[in-house]
Amino acid sequence: MSYYFDHAATTPMHPEVIQTMVELMQGPGGNGSSIHAYGRAAKGQLSRARDLISAAVGCKPNELLFTSGGTESDNAALIGAARAQRQKGKRHIITSAAEHHAVLHTCKWLEEKEGFSLTVLPVDIHGRVHPEQVREAMRPETAVVSIMHGNNEVGTIQPIEEIGEVVRAGGAVFHVDAVQSLGYTDYRLSELPVDLMSFSAHKINGPQGVGALYIASGTPFEPTQHGGSQERKRRAGTENVAGIAGFAKAVDICVNERKNKKPFMDKLRMRWIELLRQDIPGGELFINGDESGSLPHIINISFIGVQTETMLMNLDMAGIAAASGSACTSGSLEKSHVLLAMGLPQERLDSAVRFSFGMGNTLEELESAAKIVTDIVTRIRSKG
């Protein structure tokens, strides 16, 4: 039997999403920029998808830009807003040490290649940024502040409303990476102090290679991709019609299932912790992040005395897919920059594993998988 507990990395596509995409792929095709009937049909699909997704997240359809995924959405938001703000003499960027690399590396690139100054805020032991930290870091020349909503490694939820108010009062643009929280949060973007927000389809049982960027009306923004006039001249390139339609279907399912999905994921996460704590001594198992203020589907656990790489290899051989949440370079794991930023002790850094749940996971499979995990931990520790 196999167990897929790595939904934070990517999710399996929902059968209805596949059906939606296949029907379009098997059709006559059509470029949304063409004026003939086939082009108009493709344009109609794009418009319907834009209307559905924008309604789901509470923004105007013309404020939603389709992209190739979360990384492009983050890059376009940061570079596009930073360059536009530079025209006003603003050359300072603020982010946190626990951001996804799509944000951190882009901010550092803007610092090194485009002459911006960069402030990287520390996070607390739970991985949280406090609004007061942002207030203290703000300057008159601050252009963009980028703080993620839900952390992809430990699940910690950031207080984006409070941070957004601070950023707005300081006259900067606020970007939020919401790749992990879409599907679990009922966004009303028109009511939030957020200017830019990044989304990705493959985290919500949609297709890989499709995402979106919310750009609030009036937000300073310069396109980073040039060519045609697609996406209101903000992102050139022929749109991925089937992928975007699949994204919209996944969002539609999320909206309809959120009421039940979120509490069930919370139940899975809490039951997983309970099961492991039953058989692994308390002092040898630590939850990294904030158990109460976290996304419902992500849990990061340190199994003291068991190296992360050894644990992942043994889990894989036992049919359990999990992750370290850290980068893999030349076949060896680097320490998680998120856990490092949280200031965790070395023994917790060396033994951290991320489990993330989603569509298809059940309480029953958690019961049997927990026995496998505890057996692996016991076996490795006995050898040590």
Protein backbone atom coordinates (compact mmCIF):
# COMPACT_ATOMS: atom_id res chain seq x y z
CA MET A 1 0.00 0.00 0.00
CA SER A 2 1.21 3.53 -0.75
CA TYR A 3 0.48 6.77 1.08
CA TYR A 4 0.73 10.20 -0.52
CA PHE A 5 1.39 12.75 2.22
CA ASP A 6 3.05 15.45 0.12
CA HIS A 7 0.13 17.59 -1.05
CA ALA A 8 2.00 20.81 -0.20
CA ALA A 9 4.40 19.94 -3.03
CA THR A 10 1.69 19.14 -5.55
CA THR A 11 -1.79 17.64 -5.48
CA PRO A 12 -3.39 14.96 -7.65
CA MET A 13 -5.75 16.41 -10.24
CA HIS A 14 -9.44 16.17 -9.44
CA PRO A 15 -11.33 13.91 -11.89
CA GLU A 16 -13.70 16.75 -12.81
CA VAL A 17 -10.73 19.00 -13.59
CA ILE A 18 -9.28 16.32 -15.88
CA GLN A 19 -12.64 15.92 -17.61
CA THR A 20 -12.93 19.68 -18.16
CA MET A 21 -9.47 19.88 -19.66
CA VAL A 22 -9.77 16.79 -21.84
CA GLU A 23 -13.01 18.07 -23.38
CA LEU A 24 -11.25 21.27 -24.38
CA MET A 25 -8.12 19.49 -25.57
CA GLN A 26 -10.19 17.22 -27.79
CA GLY A 27 -12.07 20.16 -29.24
CA PRO A 28 -11.13 22.23 -32.29
CA GLY A 29 -8.71 24.43 -30.38
CA GLY A 30 -8.47 28.14 -30.83
CA ASN A 31 -6.29 31.10 -29.90
CA GLY A 32 -8.04 33.62 -27.66
CA SER A 33 -6.48 36.44 -29.68
CA SER A 34 -7.97 35.26 -32.99
CA ILE A 35 -11.12 36.97 -34.29
CA HIS A 36 -12.75 33.93 -35.94
CA ALA A 37 -15.27 31.63 -34.26
CA TYR A 38 -12.63 29.30 -32.83
CA GLY A 39 -10.77 32.24 -31.32
CA ARG A 40 -13.96 33.70 -29.89
CA ALA A 41 -14.79 30.33 -28.30
CA ALA A 42 -11.34 30.20 -26.64
CA LYS A 43 -11.77 33.81 -25.50
CA GLY A 44 -15.11 32.83 -24.00
CA GLN A 45 -13.49 30.01 -22.03
CA LEU A 46 -10.89 32.44 -20.67
CA SER A 47 -13.55 34.98 -19.71
CA ARG A 48 -15.67 32.37 -17.93
CA ALA A 49 -12.63 31.12 -16.00
CA ARG A 50 -11.62 34.67 -15.06
CA ASP A 51 -15.16 35.48 -13.91
CA LEU A 52 -15.40 32.33 -11.80
CA ILE A 53 -12.00 32.67 -10.10
CA SER A 54 -12.34 36.40 -9.47
CA ALA A 55 -15.77 35.85 -7.89
CA ALA A 56 -14.30 33.11 -5.70
CA VAL A 57 -11.51 35.33 -4.35
CA GLY A 58 -13.56 38.51 -4.21
CA CYS A 59 -12.00 40.75 -6.83
CA LYS A 60 -12.91 42.26 -10.22
CA PRO A 61 -12.27 40.05 -13.27
CA ASN A 62 -9.91 42.64 -14.77
CA GLU A 63 -7.77 42.48 -11.61
CA LEU A 64 -6.85 38.84 -12.28
CA LEU A 65 -3.83 38.00 -14.44
CA PHE A 66 -3.22 34.40 -15.55
CA THR A 67 0.35 33.08 -15.26
CA SER A 68 2.29 29.81 -15.52
CA GLY A 69 2.13 29.21 -11.75
CA GLY A 70 3.10 30.50 -8.33
CA THR A 71 6.73 31.23 -9.16
CA GLU A 72 5.88 33.42 -12.13
CA SER A 73 3.14 35.13 -10.11
CA ASP A 74 5.63 35.94 -7.33
CA ASN A 75 8.29 37.13 -9.79
CA ALA A 76 5.88 39.26 -11.81
CA ALA A 77 4.40 40.84 -8.68
CA LEU A 78 7.73 41.73 -7.08
CA ILE A 79 9.62 42.84 -10.17
CA GLY A 80 6.62 44.55 -11.75
CA ALA A 81 5.70 46.52 -8.64
CA ALA A 82 9.31 47.30 -7.63
CA ARG A 83 10.18 48.74 -11.06
CA ALA A 84 6.98 50.81 -11.14
CA GLN A 85 7.64 52.12 -7.62
CA ARG A 86 11.22 52.99 -8.57
CA GLN A 87 9.79 55.60 -10.94
CA LYS A 88 8.53 57.35 -7.78
CA GLY A 89 11.92 57.18 -6.07
CA LYS A 90 11.06 54.16 -3.94
CA ARG A 91 13.90 51.63 -3.82
CA HIS A 92 13.42 49.62 -0.62
CA ILE A 93 11.93 46.12 -0.29
CA ILE A 94 10.83 44.26 2.84
CA THR A 95 10.26 40.52 3.11
CA SER A 96 10.74 37.77 5.70
CA ALA A 97 13.36 35.06 6.16
CA ALA A 98 10.65 32.36 5.96
CA GLU A 99 9.35 33.16 2.47
CA HIS A 100 9.31 30.71 -0.41
CA HIS A 101 12.45 30.87 -2.56
CA ALA A 102 10.37 32.29 -5.42
CA VAL A 103 10.04 35.42 -3.27
CA LEU A 104 13.37 35.40 -1.42
CA HIS A 105 15.52 34.82 -4.49
CA THR A 106 13.60 37.42 -6.49
CA CYS A 107 14.03 40.01 -3.73
CA LYS A 108 17.75 39.27 -3.56
CA TRP A 109 17.99 39.55 -7.35
CA LEU A 110 16.32 42.97 -7.20
CA GLU A 111 18.87 43.98 -4.58
CA GLU A 112 21.91 42.67 -6.46
CA LYS A 113 20.93 43.47 -10.06
CA GLU A 114 18.48 46.37 -9.91
CA GLY A 115 19.84 48.48 -7.08
CA PHE A 116 17.11 48.05 -4.48
CA SER A 117 17.90 47.90 -0.77
CA LEU A 118 16.47 44.85 1.01
CA THR A 119 15.33 44.22 4.57
CA VAL A 120 14.75 40.55 5.47
CA LEU A 121 12.75 40.36 8.68
CA PRO A 122 13.40 37.57 11.19
CA VAL A 123 10.56 35.30 12.30
CA ASP A 124 9.79 33.96 15.76
CA ILE A 125 10.07 30.33 16.92
CA HIS A 126 6.68 29.63 15.29
CA GLY A 127 7.74 31.15 11.96
CA ARG A 128 5.57 34.23 12.39
CA VAL A 129 6.21 37.85 11.39
CA HIS A 130 4.73 40.48 13.69
CA PRO A 131 3.14 43.66 12.30
CA GLU A 132 5.29 45.80 14.59
CA GLN A 133 8.41 44.40 12.90
CA VAL A 134 7.08 45.59 9.54
CA ARG A 135 6.21 49.01 10.98
CA GLU A 136 9.74 49.44 12.34
CA ALA A 137 11.29 48.41 9.00
CA MET A 138 9.16 50.75 6.89
CA ARG A 139 10.83 53.79 5.33
CA PRO A 140 9.53 56.64 3.16
CA GLU A 141 11.30 54.95 0.22
CA THR A 142 9.81 51.48 0.85
CA ALA A 143 8.44 50.23 -2.47
CA VAL A 144 7.16 46.71 -1.82
CA VAL A 145 6.52 44.49 1.20
CA SER A 146 6.09 40.75 0.54
CA ILE A 147 4.85 38.41 3.29
CA MET A 148 3.32 35.00 2.54
CA HIS A 149 -0.05 33.99 3.96
CA GLY A 150 0.49 30.33 4.89
CA ASN A 151 3.97 28.86 5.09
CA ASN A 152 4.66 25.93 2.75
CA GLU A 153 7.03 24.15 5.17
CA VAL A 154 5.47 24.55 8.62
CA GLY A 155 1.97 25.84 7.81
CA THR A 156 2.18 28.97 10.00
CA ILE A 157 -0.42 31.59 9.04
CA GLN A 158 0.74 35.20 8.95
CA PRO A 159 -1.45 38.13 10.11
CA ILE A 160 -1.71 39.61 6.62
CA GLU A 161 -4.61 41.95 7.43
CA GLU A 162 -2.70 43.66 10.23
CA ILE A 163 0.52 43.73 8.20
CA GLY A 164 -1.38 45.07 5.20
CA GLU A 165 -2.73 47.98 7.22
CA VAL A 166 0.82 48.88 8.28
CA VAL A 167 2.06 48.70 4.68
CA ARG A 168 -0.85 50.75 3.35
CA ALA A 169 -0.30 53.43 5.99
CA GLY A 170 3.34 53.60 4.89
CA GLY A 171 2.46 54.09 1.23
CA ALA A 172 4.07 50.88 -0.05
CA VAL A 173 2.68 48.03 -2.17
CA PHE A 174 1.79 44.83 -0.30
CA HIS A 175 2.29 41.45 -1.98
CA VAL A 176 1.08 38.17 -0.47
CA ASP A 177 2.08 34.69 -1.64
CA ALA A 178 -1.16 32.75 -1.10
CA VAL A 179 -0.15 29.61 -3.00
CA GLN A 180 -0.65 27.30 -0.01
CA SER A 181 -3.71 28.99 1.50
CA LEU A 182 -5.94 29.10 -1.57
CA GLY A 183 -8.65 26.51 -1.06
CA TYR A 184 -8.56 26.88 2.72
CA THR A 185 -9.31 30.60 3.07
CA ASP A 186 -12.43 32.49 2.02
CA TYR A 187 -10.75 35.48 0.38
CA ARG A 188 -12.59 38.75 -0.21
CA LEU A 189 -9.70 40.59 -1.82
CA SER A 190 -11.72 43.77 -2.30
CA GLU A 191 -11.92 44.03 1.50
CA LEU A 192 -8.28 43.22 2.27
CA PRO A 193 -5.37 45.72 2.47
CA VAL A 194 -3.53 43.64 -0.14
CA ASP A 195 -2.37 44.94 -3.53
CA LEU A 196 -0.92 41.79 -5.10
CA MET A 197 -1.64 38.13 -4.36
CA SER A 198 -0.18 35.01 -5.99
CA PHE A 199 -2.04 31.74 -6.61
CA SER A 200 -1.23 28.35 -8.16
CA ALA A 201 -3.57 25.71 -9.59
CA HIS A 202 -1.60 22.56 -8.78
CA LYS A 203 -1.90 23.10 -5.02
CA ILE A 204 -5.71 22.77 -5.20
CA ASN A 205 -6.06 19.65 -7.38
CA GLY A 206 -5.74 21.64 -10.59
CA PRO A 207 -3.14 21.33 -13.37
CA GLN A 208 0.54 22.13 -13.02
CA GLY A 209 1.87 25.10 -14.98
CA VAL A 210 -1.08 27.43 -14.35
CA GLY A 211 -1.47 30.21 -11.81
CA ALA A 212 -2.86 33.67 -11.28
CA LEU A 213 -1.82 37.04 -9.93
CA TYR A 214 -4.28 39.47 -8.37
CA ILE A 215 -3.37 43.09 -9.13
CA ALA A 216 -5.67 45.52 -7.33
CA SER A 217 -6.88 48.40 -9.50
CA GLY A 218 -4.46 51.30 -9.34
CA THR A 219 -1.50 49.24 -8.12
CA PRO A 220 1.80 50.41 -9.67
CA PHE A 221 2.89 47.58 -11.97
CA GLU A 222 5.16 47.14 -14.98
CA PRO A 223 4.88 44.00 -17.13
CA THR A 224 7.90 41.70 -17.06
CA GLN A 225 6.93 39.73 -20.16
CA HIS A 226 6.59 41.43 -23.52
CA GLY A 227 5.17 40.51 -26.92
CA GLY A 228 1.45 40.45 -27.59
CA SER A 229 -1.35 42.34 -25.88
CA GLN A 230 -2.77 39.40 -23.91
CA GLU A 231 -3.92 39.83 -20.30
CA ARG A 232 -4.56 43.56 -20.83
CA LYS A 233 -0.94 44.00 -21.96
CA ARG A 234 0.33 42.85 -18.56
CA ARG A 235 1.54 39.39 -19.58
CA ALA A 236 2.27 38.63 -23.23
CA GLY A 237 1.84 35.11 -24.59
CA THR A 238 -0.93 32.85 -25.83
CA GLU A 239 -3.02 31.77 -22.88
CA ASN A 240 -3.17 28.13 -21.79
CA VAL A 241 -6.92 27.79 -22.35
CA ALA A 242 -7.34 24.19 -21.18
CA GLY A 243 -5.11 24.73 -18.15
CA ILE A 244 -6.91 27.92 -17.15
CA ALA A 245 -10.30 26.21 -17.52
CA GLY A 246 -8.98 23.38 -15.34
CA PHE A 247 -7.80 25.94 -12.77
CA ALA A 248 -11.26 27.50 -12.71
CA LYS A 249 -12.88 24.10 -12.22
CA ALA A 250 -10.52 23.36 -9.32
CA VAL A 251 -11.38 26.70 -7.72
CA ASP A 252 -15.09 26.01 -8.19
CA ILE A 253 -14.70 22.65 -6.42
CA CYS A 254 -12.71 24.33 -3.64
CA VAL A 255 -15.46 26.87 -3.03
CA ASN A 256 -18.12 24.17 -2.90
CA GLU A 257 -16.10 21.83 -0.68
CA ARG A 258 -14.27 24.30 1.59
CA LYS A 259 -16.86 24.10 4.38
CA ASN A 260 -16.18 20.38 4.78
CA LYS A 261 -12.61 20.14 3.49
CA LYS A 262 -10.95 22.51 5.94
CA PRO A 263 -12.26 20.87 9.15
CA PHE A 264 -11.51 17.40 7.73
CA MET A 265 -7.91 18.36 6.93
CA ASP A 266 -7.60 19.78 10.44
CA LYS A 267 -8.92 16.48 11.79
CA LEU A 268 -6.37 14.51 9.76
CA ARG A 269 -3.51 16.73 10.92
CA MET A 270 -4.46 16.56 14.59
CA ARG A 271 -5.06 12.81 14.43
CA TRP A 272 -1.64 12.32 12.81
CA ILE A 273 0.01 14.18 15.69
CA GLU A 274 -2.01 12.20 18.22
CA LEU A 275 -1.10 8.84 16.67
CA LEU A 276 2.63 9.59 16.53
CA ARG A 277 2.70 10.99 20.06
CA GLN A 278 1.08 7.81 21.36
CA ASP A 279 4.07 5.68 20.41
CA ILE A 280 6.99 8.12 20.25
CA PRO A 281 8.19 9.64 23.55
CA GLY A 282 7.22 13.30 23.90
CA GLY A 283 10.78 14.53 24.34
CA GLU A 284 11.81 12.88 21.08
CA LEU A 285 9.09 14.35 18.84
CA PHE A 286 8.59 18.07 18.22
CA ILE A 287 6.01 19.95 16.14
CA ASN A 288 7.67 22.77 14.20
CA GLY A 289 5.48 25.80 13.67
CA ASP A 290 2.28 26.82 15.41
CA GLU A 291 -0.13 23.96 16.12
CA SER A 292 -3.08 26.32 16.65
CA GLY A 293 -2.35 29.03 14.05
CA SER A 294 -1.55 26.86 11.06
CA LEU A 295 -2.89 25.78 7.70
CA PRO A 296 -5.02 22.67 8.27
CA HIS A 297 -3.15 20.36 5.90
CA ILE A 298 0.54 20.89 6.76
CA ILE A 299 2.47 19.51 9.72
CA ASN A 300 6.25 19.62 10.20
CA ILE A 301 7.68 17.16 12.73
CA SER A 302 11.19 16.59 14.07
CA PHE A 303 12.00 13.00 15.05
CA ILE A 304 14.96 13.60 17.34
CA GLY A 305 17.88 11.31 16.60
CA VAL A 306 16.67 10.36 13.12
CA GLN A 307 18.34 12.23 10.25
CA THR A 308 15.87 13.76 7.78
CA GLU A 309 17.46 12.12 4.74
CA THR A 310 17.51 8.68 6.40
CA MET A 311 13.89 9.10 7.47
CA LEU A 312 12.71 10.13 4.01
CA MET A 313 14.51 7.20 2.36
CA ASN A 314 12.95 4.73 4.78
CA LEU A 315 9.50 6.29 4.38
CA ASP A 316 9.83 6.07 0.60
CA MET A 317 10.81 2.40 0.75
CA ALA A 318 7.77 1.81 2.95
CA GLY A 319 5.49 3.52 0.42
CA ILE A 320 5.04 6.83 2.26
CA ALA A 321 5.64 10.03 0.32
CA ALA A 322 6.68 12.93 2.56
CA ALA A 323 9.17 15.80 2.24
CA SER A 324 11.89 17.70 4.01
CA GLY A 325 10.64 21.06 2.84
CA SER A 326 14.26 21.96 2.14
CA ALA A 327 16.26 22.19 -1.05
CA CYS A 328 17.91 19.18 -2.63
CA THR A 329 21.27 19.94 -4.19
CA SER A 330 23.50 17.30 -5.81
CA GLY A 331 21.56 14.53 -4.11
CA SER A 332 22.03 15.87 -0.57
CA LEU A 333 19.58 17.84 1.54
CA GLU A 334 20.30 21.39 2.58
CA LYS A 335 18.92 22.55 5.90
CA SER A 336 15.52 24.23 5.61
CA HIS A 337 15.92 28.01 5.47
CA VAL A 338 12.52 28.32 7.17
CA LEU A 339 13.50 26.19 10.16
CA LEU A 340 16.85 27.97 10.34
CA ALA A 341 15.04 31.31 10.38
CA MET A 342 12.88 30.06 13.24
CA GLY A 343 16.03 29.49 15.30
CA LEU A 344 15.35 25.83 16.06
CA PRO A 345 18.00 23.72 17.84
CA GLN A 346 20.30 21.68 15.61
CA GLU A 347 18.73 18.36 16.60
CA ARG A 348 15.36 19.58 15.33
CA LEU A 349 16.86 21.00 12.13
CA ASP A 350 18.54 17.68 11.39
CA SER A 351 15.41 15.55 11.85
CA ALA A 352 12.51 17.54 10.38
CA VAL A 353 9.97 15.97 8.02
CA ARG A 354 6.91 17.64 6.47
CA PHE A 355 3.67 15.71 6.03
CA SER A 356 0.86 17.37 4.09
CA PHE A 357 -2.60 15.99 3.44
CA GLY A 358 -5.30 16.42 0.84
CA MET A 359 -7.75 14.76 -1.53
CA GLY A 360 -7.81 10.98 -1.13
CA ASN A 361 -6.32 10.83 2.37
CA THR A 362 -8.42 9.14 5.05
CA LEU A 363 -8.32 8.62 8.81
CA GLU A 364 -8.01 4.89 8.19
CA GLU A 365 -4.82 5.17 6.14
CA LEU A 366 -3.32 7.51 8.75
CA GLU A 367 -3.85 4.79 11.36
CA SER A 368 -1.84 2.24 9.37
CA ALA A 369 0.77 4.74 8.15
CA ALA A 370 1.46 5.94 11.70
CA LYS A 371 2.41 2.40 12.73
CA ILE A 372 4.92 2.29 9.85
CA VAL A 373 6.41 5.63 10.85
CA THR A 374 6.81 4.69 14.50
CA ASP A 375 8.38 1.35 13.52
CA ILE A 376 10.89 3.15 11.29
CA VAL A 377 11.77 5.63 14.04
CA THR A 378 12.18 2.84 16.61
CA ARG A 379 14.35 0.78 14.24
CA ILE A 380 16.66 3.67 13.29
CA ARG A 381 17.06 4.82 16.88
CA SER A 382 17.87 1.30 18.07
CA LYS A 383 20.70 1.12 15.54
CA GLY A 384 22.04 4.47 16.70
